[in-house]
Amino acid sequence: MTYLRLILSILLSLFLLTFLVETIEFSILVFISNESYLHLSQDQQAYFALRNQPVILIAKPIYTFIVAFTVSYLGSRLLRIHRNTYFIILSVIQGLGICYGAFLSEYKDSLPLWYWMLLLLVILIALKASQSRVKHL
């Protein structure tokens, strides 16, 4: 049962992390552009033009850190044991996901490589910070 809880915590954390970061980003872009969700979801050129503005690129690591920290903290709180395993697996999967986005996905050229690596670093720092926070409880 504990391994099932570990797997569910990891899957829930991965889903929430992706969903929340993308929802926040999309909502910010809709807000600043006064465009509809439908328009931005269908016009990738407009989406990336908005997303690559300096103010958004500055905000993205900030809200990514907050979401990654919060989601991993809450996910680890669901576990009573295997917390280190949770953080290791979550870090590896997130690292692989960012590397896939940076090197293999169709959107790899939407951001410079250094920015992809910055996002990876931000997520790993957030995961480590939440792990440290959980250990002190």
N, C-alpha and C. Protein backbone atom coordinates (compact mmCIF):
# COMPACT_ATOMS: atom_id res chain seq x y z
N MET A 1 0.82 -1.20 0.00
CA MET A 1 0.00 0.00 0.00
C MET A 1 0.86 1.26 0.00
N THR A 2 2.02 1.19 0.66
CA THR A 2 2.86 2.39 0.71
C THR A 2 3.44 2.73 -0.67
N TYR A 3 3.72 1.70 -1.47
CA TYR A 3 4.24 1.97 -2.81
C TYR A 3 3.16 2.54 -3.72
N LEU A 4 1.94 2.11 -3.52
CA LEU A 4 0.83 2.67 -4.28
C LEU A 4 0.66 4.15 -3.92
N ARG A 5 0.79 4.45 -2.65
CA ARG A 5 0.69 5.85 -2.20
C ARG A 5 1.84 6.68 -2.79
N LEU A 6 3.04 6.10 -2.86
CA LEU A 6 4.19 6.77 -3.47
C LEU A 6 3.93 7.06 -4.94
N ILE A 7 3.46 6.06 -5.66
CA ILE A 7 3.20 6.23 -7.09
C ILE A 7 2.11 7.27 -7.32
N LEU A 8 1.05 7.21 -6.53
CA LEU A 8 -0.03 8.19 -6.68
C LEU A 8 0.45 9.61 -6.35
N SER A 9 1.28 9.75 -5.33
CA SER A 9 1.83 11.07 -4.98
C SER A 9 2.68 11.63 -6.11
N ILE A 10 3.49 10.78 -6.71
CA ILE A 10 4.35 11.22 -7.82
C ILE A 10 3.49 11.63 -9.02
N LEU A 11 2.54 10.79 -9.38
CA LEU A 11 1.70 11.10 -10.54
C LEU A 11 0.87 12.36 -10.31
N LEU A 12 0.31 12.49 -9.13
CA LEU A 12 -0.47 13.68 -8.81
C LEU A 12 0.41 14.92 -8.82
N SER A 13 1.60 14.83 -8.28
CA SER A 13 2.52 15.97 -8.26
C SER A 13 2.93 16.37 -9.67
N LEU A 14 3.24 15.39 -10.51
CA LEU A 14 3.62 15.69 -11.90
C LEU A 14 2.47 16.37 -12.64
N PHE A 15 1.28 15.84 -12.47
CA PHE A 15 0.11 16.43 -13.13
C PHE A 15 -0.12 17.85 -12.64
N LEU A 16 -0.15 18.04 -11.33
CA LEU A 16 -0.43 19.37 -10.77
C LEU A 16 0.65 20.39 -11.15
N LEU A 17 1.89 19.97 -11.11
CA LEU A 17 2.97 20.88 -11.46
C LEU A 17 2.82 21.38 -12.89
N THR A 18 2.63 20.47 -13.80
CA THR A 18 2.46 20.85 -15.20
C THR A 18 1.20 21.67 -15.40
N PHE A 19 0.10 21.19 -14.87
CA PHE A 19 -1.18 21.86 -15.05
C PHE A 19 -1.16 23.28 -14.48
N LEU A 20 -0.68 23.43 -13.26
CA LEU A 20 -0.70 24.75 -12.62
C LEU A 20 0.25 25.74 -13.29
N VAL A 21 1.46 25.31 -13.63
CA VAL A 21 2.40 26.22 -14.28
C VAL A 21 1.85 26.67 -15.63
N GLU A 22 1.33 25.74 -16.40
CA GLU A 22 0.78 26.10 -17.72
C GLU A 22 -0.47 26.96 -17.59
N THR A 23 -1.31 26.68 -16.62
CA THR A 23 -2.52 27.47 -16.42
C THR A 23 -2.18 28.90 -16.00
N ILE A 24 -1.22 29.04 -15.11
CA ILE A 24 -0.80 30.38 -14.69
C ILE A 24 -0.23 31.14 -15.88
N GLU A 25 0.65 30.49 -16.64
CA GLU A 25 1.25 31.15 -17.80
C GLU A 25 0.18 31.57 -18.81
N PHE A 26 -0.70 30.66 -19.12
CA PHE A 26 -1.74 30.95 -20.11
C PHE A 26 -2.65 32.07 -19.62
N SER A 27 -3.01 32.05 -18.34
CA SER A 27 -3.88 33.08 -17.78
C SER A 27 -3.20 34.46 -17.82
N ILE A 28 -1.92 34.50 -17.50
CA ILE A 28 -1.19 35.77 -17.57
C ILE A 28 -1.18 36.29 -19.00
N LEU A 29 -0.93 35.42 -19.96
CA LEU A 29 -0.89 35.85 -21.36
C LEU A 29 -2.24 36.33 -21.84
N VAL A 30 -3.31 35.66 -21.45
CA VAL A 30 -4.65 36.10 -21.82
C VAL A 30 -4.93 37.46 -21.19
N PHE A 31 -4.54 37.63 -19.94
CA PHE A 31 -4.79 38.89 -19.23
C PHE A 31 -4.05 40.06 -19.87
N ILE A 32 -2.76 39.87 -20.17
CA ILE A 32 -2.00 41.01 -20.70
C ILE A 32 -2.29 41.29 -22.17
N SER A 33 -2.81 40.30 -22.88
CA SER A 33 -3.05 40.50 -24.32
C SER A 33 -4.48 40.88 -24.65
N ASN A 34 -5.39 40.66 -23.73
CA ASN A 34 -6.82 40.84 -23.99
C ASN A 34 -7.31 39.98 -25.14
N GLU A 35 -6.62 38.90 -25.39
CA GLU A 35 -7.04 37.92 -26.39
C GLU A 35 -7.81 36.82 -25.67
N SER A 36 -8.57 36.06 -26.43
CA SER A 36 -9.33 34.97 -25.84
C SER A 36 -8.42 33.75 -25.66
N TYR A 37 -8.84 32.86 -24.77
CA TYR A 37 -8.13 31.60 -24.59
C TYR A 37 -8.08 30.85 -25.92
N LEU A 38 -9.20 30.86 -26.61
CA LEU A 38 -9.30 30.13 -27.87
C LEU A 38 -8.29 30.66 -28.90
N HIS A 39 -8.20 31.98 -29.00
CA HIS A 39 -7.27 32.57 -29.97
C HIS A 39 -5.83 32.17 -29.65
N LEU A 40 -5.42 32.32 -28.40
CA LEU A 40 -4.04 32.01 -28.05
C LEU A 40 -3.74 30.51 -28.13
N SER A 41 -4.73 29.70 -27.87
CA SER A 41 -4.49 28.26 -27.96
C SER A 41 -4.37 27.79 -29.41
N GLN A 42 -4.95 28.53 -30.32
CA GLN A 42 -4.90 28.15 -31.73
C GLN A 42 -3.79 28.86 -32.51
N ASP A 43 -3.32 29.99 -32.00
CA ASP A 43 -2.29 30.76 -32.70
C ASP A 43 -0.98 30.69 -31.91
N GLN A 44 -0.17 29.67 -32.22
CA GLN A 44 1.06 29.47 -31.48
C GLN A 44 2.05 30.61 -31.66
N GLN A 45 2.04 31.22 -32.83
CA GLN A 45 2.95 32.33 -33.07
C GLN A 45 2.63 33.50 -32.13
N ALA A 46 1.35 33.81 -31.98
CA ALA A 46 0.94 34.88 -31.07
C ALA A 46 1.25 34.49 -29.62
N TYR A 47 1.01 33.24 -29.30
CA TYR A 47 1.27 32.75 -27.94
C TYR A 47 2.75 32.92 -27.59
N PHE A 48 3.64 32.43 -28.47
CA PHE A 48 5.07 32.51 -28.17
C PHE A 48 5.58 33.94 -28.22
N ALA A 49 5.01 34.78 -29.07
CA ALA A 49 5.41 36.19 -29.10
C ALA A 49 5.10 36.85 -27.77
N LEU A 50 3.95 36.55 -27.20
CA LEU A 50 3.60 37.09 -25.89
C LEU A 50 4.44 36.47 -24.78
N ARG A 51 4.58 35.15 -24.83
CA ARG A 51 5.30 34.43 -23.78
C ARG A 51 6.77 34.82 -23.71
N ASN A 52 7.34 35.22 -24.81
CA ASN A 52 8.77 35.54 -24.83
C ASN A 52 9.07 37.01 -24.56
N GLN A 53 8.09 37.74 -24.07
CA GLN A 53 8.35 39.12 -23.64
C GLN A 53 9.15 39.07 -22.34
N PRO A 54 10.04 40.05 -22.15
CA PRO A 54 10.91 40.02 -20.97
C PRO A 54 10.18 39.89 -19.63
N VAL A 55 9.07 40.59 -19.47
CA VAL A 55 8.38 40.53 -18.18
C VAL A 55 7.85 39.11 -17.90
N ILE A 56 7.41 38.41 -18.92
CA ILE A 56 6.93 37.04 -18.75
C ILE A 56 8.11 36.11 -18.47
N LEU A 57 9.20 36.32 -19.18
CA LEU A 57 10.37 35.47 -18.97
C LEU A 57 10.99 35.68 -17.59
N ILE A 58 10.79 36.85 -17.02
CA ILE A 58 11.25 37.09 -15.65
C ILE A 58 10.29 36.44 -14.65
N ALA A 59 8.99 36.51 -14.94
CA ALA A 59 7.99 35.96 -14.02
C ALA A 59 7.94 34.43 -14.03
N LYS A 60 8.22 33.82 -15.17
CA LYS A 60 8.09 32.36 -15.31
C LYS A 60 8.89 31.57 -14.27
N PRO A 61 10.17 31.87 -14.05
CA PRO A 61 10.89 31.11 -13.02
C PRO A 61 10.33 31.33 -11.61
N ILE A 62 9.75 32.50 -11.38
CA ILE A 62 9.21 32.80 -10.06
C ILE A 62 7.97 31.96 -9.78
N TYR A 63 7.00 31.99 -10.70
CA TYR A 63 5.81 31.19 -10.45
C TYR A 63 6.08 29.69 -10.61
N THR A 64 7.06 29.34 -11.41
CA THR A 64 7.43 27.93 -11.52
C THR A 64 8.01 27.43 -10.20
N PHE A 65 8.86 28.23 -9.58
CA PHE A 65 9.43 27.86 -8.28
C PHE A 65 8.33 27.71 -7.23
N ILE A 66 7.44 28.67 -7.17
CA ILE A 66 6.37 28.64 -6.16
C ILE A 66 5.50 27.40 -6.34
N VAL A 67 5.12 27.11 -7.58
CA VAL A 67 4.27 25.94 -7.84
C VAL A 67 5.03 24.66 -7.55
N ALA A 68 6.28 24.55 -8.01
CA ALA A 68 7.06 23.33 -7.79
C ALA A 68 7.27 23.08 -6.29
N PHE A 69 7.58 24.12 -5.56
CA PHE A 69 7.78 23.99 -4.12
C PHE A 69 6.49 23.53 -3.44
N THR A 70 5.39 24.20 -3.75
CA THR A 70 4.12 23.90 -3.10
C THR A 70 3.62 22.50 -3.44
N VAL A 71 3.67 22.15 -4.71
CA VAL A 71 3.18 20.84 -5.14
C VAL A 71 4.03 19.72 -4.54
N SER A 72 5.34 19.86 -4.58
CA SER A 72 6.19 18.80 -4.04
C SER A 72 6.08 18.73 -2.52
N TYR A 73 5.90 19.85 -1.88
CA TYR A 73 5.71 19.85 -0.43
C TYR A 73 4.42 19.11 -0.07
N LEU A 74 3.34 19.46 -0.75
CA LEU A 74 2.07 18.82 -0.44
C LEU A 74 2.09 17.34 -0.81
N GLY A 75 2.73 17.02 -1.94
CA GLY A 75 2.83 15.62 -2.34
C GLY A 75 3.61 14.80 -1.33
N SER A 76 4.68 15.37 -0.81
CA SER A 76 5.48 14.63 0.17
C SER A 76 4.76 14.52 1.52
N ARG A 77 3.90 15.46 1.80
CA ARG A 77 3.13 15.41 3.05
C ARG A 77 2.12 14.26 3.03
N LEU A 78 1.71 13.85 1.82
CA LEU A 78 0.80 12.71 1.72
C LEU A 78 1.49 11.41 2.12
N LEU A 79 2.81 11.41 2.04
CA LEU A 79 3.58 10.21 2.35
C LEU A 79 4.04 10.24 3.81
N ARG A 80 4.06 9.10 4.40
CA ARG A 80 4.62 9.00 5.74
C ARG A 80 6.03 8.40 5.67
N ILE A 81 6.24 7.60 4.64
CA ILE A 81 7.56 7.03 4.40
C ILE A 81 7.88 7.18 2.92
N HIS A 82 9.07 6.86 2.54
CA HIS A 82 9.54 6.95 1.15
C HIS A 82 9.62 8.38 0.63
N ARG A 83 9.77 9.35 1.51
CA ARG A 83 9.83 10.74 1.05
C ARG A 83 11.07 11.00 0.21
N ASN A 84 12.20 10.45 0.59
CA ASN A 84 13.41 10.64 -0.21
C ASN A 84 13.24 10.03 -1.59
N THR A 85 12.65 8.87 -1.66
CA THR A 85 12.39 8.23 -2.95
C THR A 85 11.47 9.11 -3.79
N TYR A 86 10.45 9.67 -3.16
CA TYR A 86 9.52 10.58 -3.84
C TYR A 86 10.28 11.74 -4.48
N PHE A 87 11.15 12.39 -3.71
CA PHE A 87 11.87 13.55 -4.23
C PHE A 87 12.85 13.15 -5.33
N ILE A 88 13.50 12.02 -5.18
CA ILE A 88 14.44 11.57 -6.21
C ILE A 88 13.71 11.28 -7.51
N ILE A 89 12.63 10.51 -7.43
CA ILE A 89 11.88 10.16 -8.64
C ILE A 89 11.27 11.41 -9.28
N LEU A 90 10.69 12.27 -8.47
CA LEU A 90 10.10 13.50 -9.00
C LEU A 90 11.16 14.37 -9.67
N SER A 91 12.34 14.48 -9.07
CA SER A 91 13.43 15.27 -9.66
C SER A 91 13.91 14.68 -10.98
N VAL A 92 14.05 13.37 -11.02
CA VAL A 92 14.51 12.71 -12.25
C VAL A 92 13.48 12.89 -13.37
N ILE A 93 12.22 12.67 -13.06
CA ILE A 93 11.18 12.81 -14.09
C ILE A 93 11.08 14.25 -14.57
N GLN A 94 11.12 15.21 -13.66
CA GLN A 94 11.09 16.62 -14.07
C GLN A 94 12.31 16.97 -14.90
N GLY A 95 13.47 16.48 -14.49
CA GLY A 95 14.69 16.72 -15.26
C GLY A 95 14.60 16.15 -16.66
N LEU A 96 14.10 14.94 -16.78
CA LEU A 96 13.92 14.33 -18.10
C LEU A 96 12.91 15.10 -18.93
N GLY A 97 11.85 15.58 -18.30
CA GLY A 97 10.83 16.35 -19.01
C GLY A 97 11.37 17.66 -19.56
N ILE A 98 12.15 18.36 -18.75
CA ILE A 98 12.74 19.62 -19.21
C ILE A 98 13.76 19.35 -20.31
N CYS A 99 14.56 18.32 -20.15
CA CYS A 99 15.54 17.98 -21.20
C CYS A 99 14.84 17.58 -22.49
N TYR A 100 13.74 16.87 -22.39
CA TYR A 100 12.97 16.55 -23.59
C TYR A 100 12.49 17.84 -24.26
N GLY A 101 11.94 18.75 -23.46
CA GLY A 101 11.46 20.02 -24.01
C GLY A 101 12.58 20.83 -24.64
N ALA A 102 13.75 20.80 -24.06
CA ALA A 102 14.87 21.60 -24.54
C ALA A 102 15.53 21.03 -25.79
N PHE A 103 15.53 19.70 -25.91
CA PHE A 103 16.31 19.08 -26.99
C PHE A 103 15.48 18.35 -28.04
N LEU A 104 14.33 17.82 -27.67
CA LEU A 104 13.62 16.93 -28.59
C LEU A 104 12.22 17.38 -29.01
N SER A 105 11.59 18.23 -28.24
CA SER A 105 10.20 18.57 -28.55
C SER A 105 10.11 19.53 -29.73
N GLU A 106 8.92 19.63 -30.26
CA GLU A 106 8.71 20.57 -31.37
C GLU A 106 8.81 22.02 -30.91
N TYR A 107 8.76 22.24 -29.60
CA TYR A 107 8.84 23.60 -29.05
C TYR A 107 10.22 23.94 -28.52
N LYS A 108 11.21 23.12 -28.83
CA LYS A 108 12.56 23.33 -28.28
C LYS A 108 13.15 24.67 -28.67
N ASP A 109 12.77 25.20 -29.81
CA ASP A 109 13.31 26.48 -30.26
C ASP A 109 12.49 27.67 -29.77
N SER A 110 11.46 27.42 -28.97
CA SER A 110 10.64 28.52 -28.47
C SER A 110 11.35 29.27 -27.35
N LEU A 111 12.36 28.66 -26.77
CA LEU A 111 13.17 29.31 -25.72
C LEU A 111 14.63 28.96 -25.98
N PRO A 112 15.53 29.85 -25.61
CA PRO A 112 16.96 29.49 -25.73
C PRO A 112 17.32 28.37 -24.75
N LEU A 113 18.35 27.63 -25.09
CA LEU A 113 18.77 26.49 -24.26
C LEU A 113 19.08 26.91 -22.83
N TRP A 114 19.73 28.06 -22.67
CA TRP A 114 20.08 28.50 -21.32
C TRP A 114 18.82 28.71 -20.47
N TYR A 115 17.71 29.14 -21.09
CA TYR A 115 16.48 29.36 -20.34
C TYR A 115 15.85 28.03 -19.93
N TRP A 116 15.90 27.03 -20.81
CA TRP A 116 15.44 25.70 -20.44
C TRP A 116 16.22 25.20 -19.23
N MET A 117 17.53 25.40 -19.23
CA MET A 117 18.36 24.94 -18.12
C MET A 117 18.07 25.74 -16.85
N LEU A 118 17.74 27.02 -17.01
CA LEU A 118 17.34 27.83 -15.86
C LEU A 118 16.07 27.25 -15.24
N LEU A 119 15.10 26.90 -16.07
CA LEU A 119 13.86 26.32 -15.55
C LEU A 119 14.13 25.00 -14.84
N LEU A 120 15.03 24.20 -15.40
CA LEU A 120 15.40 22.94 -14.74
C LEU A 120 16.01 23.22 -13.37
N LEU A 121 16.92 24.17 -13.32
CA LEU A 121 17.56 24.52 -12.06
C LEU A 121 16.54 25.04 -11.05
N VAL A 122 15.62 25.88 -11.49
CA VAL A 122 14.59 26.42 -10.60
C VAL A 122 13.73 25.30 -10.02
N ILE A 123 13.33 24.36 -10.87
CA ILE A 123 12.49 23.26 -10.39
C ILE A 123 13.26 22.38 -9.41
N LEU A 124 14.50 22.07 -9.73
CA LEU A 124 15.29 21.22 -8.82
C LEU A 124 15.55 21.91 -7.49
N ILE A 125 15.80 23.21 -7.51
CA ILE A 125 15.98 23.96 -6.27
C ILE A 125 14.69 23.97 -5.46
N ALA A 126 13.56 24.15 -6.13
CA ALA A 126 12.27 24.15 -5.43
C ALA A 126 11.99 22.79 -4.79
N LEU A 127 12.31 21.72 -5.53
CA LEU A 127 12.10 20.38 -4.98
C LEU A 127 13.00 20.14 -3.77
N LYS A 128 14.24 20.56 -3.87
CA LYS A 128 15.18 20.39 -2.75
C LYS A 128 14.74 21.24 -1.55
N ALA A 129 14.28 22.46 -1.81
CA ALA A 129 13.83 23.32 -0.73
C ALA A 129 12.60 22.74 -0.03
N SER A 130 11.69 22.18 -0.80
CA SER A 130 10.51 21.59 -0.17
C SER A 130 10.88 20.32 0.59
N GLN A 131 11.86 19.57 0.09
CA GLN A 131 12.33 18.38 0.79
C GLN A 131 12.93 18.78 2.13
N SER A 132 13.73 19.83 2.13
CA SER A 132 14.33 20.32 3.39
C SER A 132 13.26 20.78 4.36
N ARG A 133 12.24 21.42 3.84
CA ARG A 133 11.15 21.91 4.68
C ARG A 133 10.39 20.75 5.33
N VAL A 134 10.14 19.72 4.56
CA VAL A 134 9.41 18.55 5.08
C VAL A 134 10.24 17.85 6.15
N LYS A 135 11.56 17.78 5.96
CA LYS A 135 12.41 17.10 6.94
C LYS A 135 12.40 17.80 8.29
N HIS A 136 12.13 19.11 8.29
CA HIS A 136 12.15 19.86 9.54
C HIS A 136 10.83 19.80 10.30
N LEU A 137 9.87 19.10 9.74
CA LEU A 137 8.57 18.99 10.43
C LEU A 137 8.52 17.78 11.34
